[in-house]
Amino acid sequence: MKYGAVTIDPETMGGTPVFTGTRVPIQTLFDYFEGGEMLEEFLDDFPSVTKTQAIAVLEMAKKTITTEKVLNETFA
């Protein structure tokens, strides 16, 4: 399944959500932030991911945690 900048395919990384067109797990972006790294550092280390893709994923996450309907459907 493709969700914009995110692809989930059992044939790619065992179904781990990755940046579309890459084998870079979405989780890696959040791990970088959790470790205190900046977006530019992540992009430098994973040149197959575009800044547009990274921002799109962050926007998806933002919508998930700032929309009550999505929170209720996903986490309630």
C-alpha atoms as a PDB file:
ATOM      1  CA  MET A   1       0.000   0.000   0.000  1.00  0.00           C
ATOM      2  CA  LYS A   2       1.211   3.459  -0.829  1.00  0.00           C
ATOM      3  CA  TYR A   3       0.245   6.404   1.350  1.00  0.00           C
ATOM      4  CA  GLY A   4       1.893   9.364  -0.326  1.00  0.00           C
ATOM      5  CA  ALA A   5       5.461   9.476   0.976  1.00  0.00           C
ATOM      6  CA  VAL A   6       4.993   6.168   2.844  1.00  0.00           C
ATOM      7  CA  THR A   7       4.933   2.674   1.376  1.00  0.00           C
ATOM      8  CA  ILE A   8       4.037  -0.512   3.220  1.00  0.00           C
ATOM      9  CA  ASP A   9       4.836  -3.626   1.209  1.00  0.00           C
ATOM     10  CA  PRO A  10       5.461  -7.121   2.594  1.00  0.00           C
ATOM     11  CA  GLU A  11       8.140  -7.525  -0.097  1.00  0.00           C
ATOM     12  CA  THR A  12      10.076  -4.477   1.144  1.00  0.00           C
ATOM     13  CA  MET A  13      11.658  -4.637   4.589  1.00  0.00           C
ATOM     14  CA  GLY A  14       9.063  -7.195   5.678  1.00  0.00           C
ATOM     15  CA  GLY A  15       6.233  -4.669   5.540  1.00  0.00           C
ATOM     16  CA  THR A  16       7.944  -2.014   7.643  1.00  0.00           C
ATOM     17  CA  PRO A  17       6.672   1.444   6.604  1.00  0.00           C
ATOM     18  CA  VAL A  18       9.388   3.033   4.440  1.00  0.00           C
ATOM     19  CA  PHE A  19       9.816   6.228   2.482  1.00  0.00           C
ATOM     20  CA  THR A  20       8.327   5.604  -0.960  1.00  0.00           C
ATOM     21  CA  GLY A  21      10.944   4.456  -3.467  1.00  0.00           C
ATOM     22  CA  THR A  22      13.476   3.615  -0.748  1.00  0.00           C
ATOM     23  CA  ARG A  23      14.240   0.978   1.864  1.00  0.00           C
ATOM     24  CA  VAL A  24      14.593   3.626   4.594  1.00  0.00           C
ATOM     25  CA  PRO A  25      12.177   2.957   7.468  1.00  0.00           C
ATOM     26  CA  ILE A  26      10.010   5.890   8.563  1.00  0.00           C
ATOM     27  CA  GLN A  27      10.988   5.058  12.152  1.00  0.00           C
ATOM     28  CA  THR A  28      14.552   6.093  11.347  1.00  0.00           C
ATOM     29  CA  LEU A  29      13.482   9.723  10.905  1.00  0.00           C
ATOM     30  CA  PHE A  30      11.873   9.755  14.338  1.00  0.00           C
ATOM     31  CA  ASP A  31      14.875   7.979  15.851  1.00  0.00           C
ATOM     32  CA  TYR A  32      17.101  10.771  14.528  1.00  0.00           C
ATOM     33  CA  PHE A  33      14.903  13.422  16.116  1.00  0.00           C
ATOM     34  CA  GLU A  34      14.738  11.494  19.366  1.00  0.00           C
ATOM     35  CA  GLY A  35      18.533  11.384  19.373  1.00  0.00           C
ATOM     36  CA  GLY A  36      18.722  15.163  18.983  1.00  0.00           C
ATOM     37  CA  GLU A  37      19.671  15.199  15.298  1.00  0.00           C
ATOM     38  CA  MET A  38      18.319  17.743  12.838  1.00  0.00           C
ATOM     39  CA  LEU A  39      16.424  16.992   9.637  1.00  0.00           C
ATOM     40  CA  GLU A  40      19.436  17.966   7.528  1.00  0.00           C
ATOM     41  CA  GLU A  41      21.579  15.336   9.260  1.00  0.00           C
ATOM     42  CA  PHE A  42      18.992  12.670   8.474  1.00  0.00           C
ATOM     43  CA  LEU A  43      18.804  13.790   4.837  1.00  0.00           C
ATOM     44  CA  ASP A  44      22.601  13.781   4.542  1.00  0.00           C
ATOM     45  CA  ASP A  45      22.773  10.245   5.919  1.00  0.00           C
ATOM     46  CA  PHE A  46      19.895   8.969   3.744  1.00  0.00           C
ATOM     47  CA  PRO A  47      20.221  10.726   0.375  1.00  0.00           C
ATOM     48  CA  SER A  48      17.527   8.524  -1.193  1.00  0.00           C
ATOM     49  CA  VAL A  49      14.952  10.337   0.971  1.00  0.00           C
ATOM     50  CA  THR A  50      13.979  13.794  -0.246  1.00  0.00           C
ATOM     51  CA  LYS A  51      13.246  16.733   1.993  1.00  0.00           C
ATOM     52  CA  THR A  52       9.746  16.806   0.496  1.00  0.00           C
ATOM     53  CA  GLN A  53       9.178  13.190   1.564  1.00  0.00           C
ATOM     54  CA  ALA A  54      10.456  13.816   5.090  1.00  0.00           C
ATOM     55  CA  ILE A  55       8.248  16.869   5.510  1.00  0.00           C
ATOM     56  CA  ALA A  56       5.251  14.948   4.142  1.00  0.00           C
ATOM     57  CA  VAL A  57       5.779  12.231   6.759  1.00  0.00           C
ATOM     58  CA  LEU A  58       6.047  14.832   9.505  1.00  0.00           C
ATOM     59  CA  GLU A  59       2.816  16.416   8.278  1.00  0.00           C
ATOM     60  CA  MET A  60       1.129  12.992   8.376  1.00  0.00           C
ATOM     61  CA  ALA A  61       2.297  12.531  11.957  1.00  0.00           C
ATOM     62  CA  LYS A  62       1.130  16.026  12.852  1.00  0.00           C
ATOM     63  CA  LYS A  63      -2.342  15.330  11.488  1.00  0.00           C
ATOM     64  CA  THR A  64      -2.478  12.076  13.412  1.00  0.00           C
ATOM     65  CA  ILE A  65      -1.718  13.591  16.792  1.00  0.00           C
ATOM     66  CA  THR A  66      -3.630  16.853  16.353  1.00  0.00           C
ATOM     67  CA  THR A  67      -6.904  15.471  15.027  1.00  0.00           C
ATOM     68  CA  GLU A  68      -9.261  14.138  17.670  1.00  0.00           C
ATOM     69  CA  LYS A  69     -11.136  11.951  15.191  1.00  0.00           C
ATOM     70  CA  VAL A  70      -7.909  10.237  14.079  1.00  0.00           C
ATOM     71  CA  LEU A  71      -6.742   9.855  17.670  1.00  0.00           C
ATOM     72  CA  ASN A  72     -10.036   8.223  18.644  1.00  0.00           C
ATOM     73  CA  GLU A  73     -10.004   5.885  15.652  1.00  0.00           C
ATOM     74  CA  THR A  74      -6.356   4.960  16.093  1.00  0.00           C
ATOM     75  CA  PHE A  75      -5.627   5.022  19.815  1.00  0.00           C
ATOM     76  CA  ALA A  76      -8.911   4.862  21.741  1.00  0.00           C
END
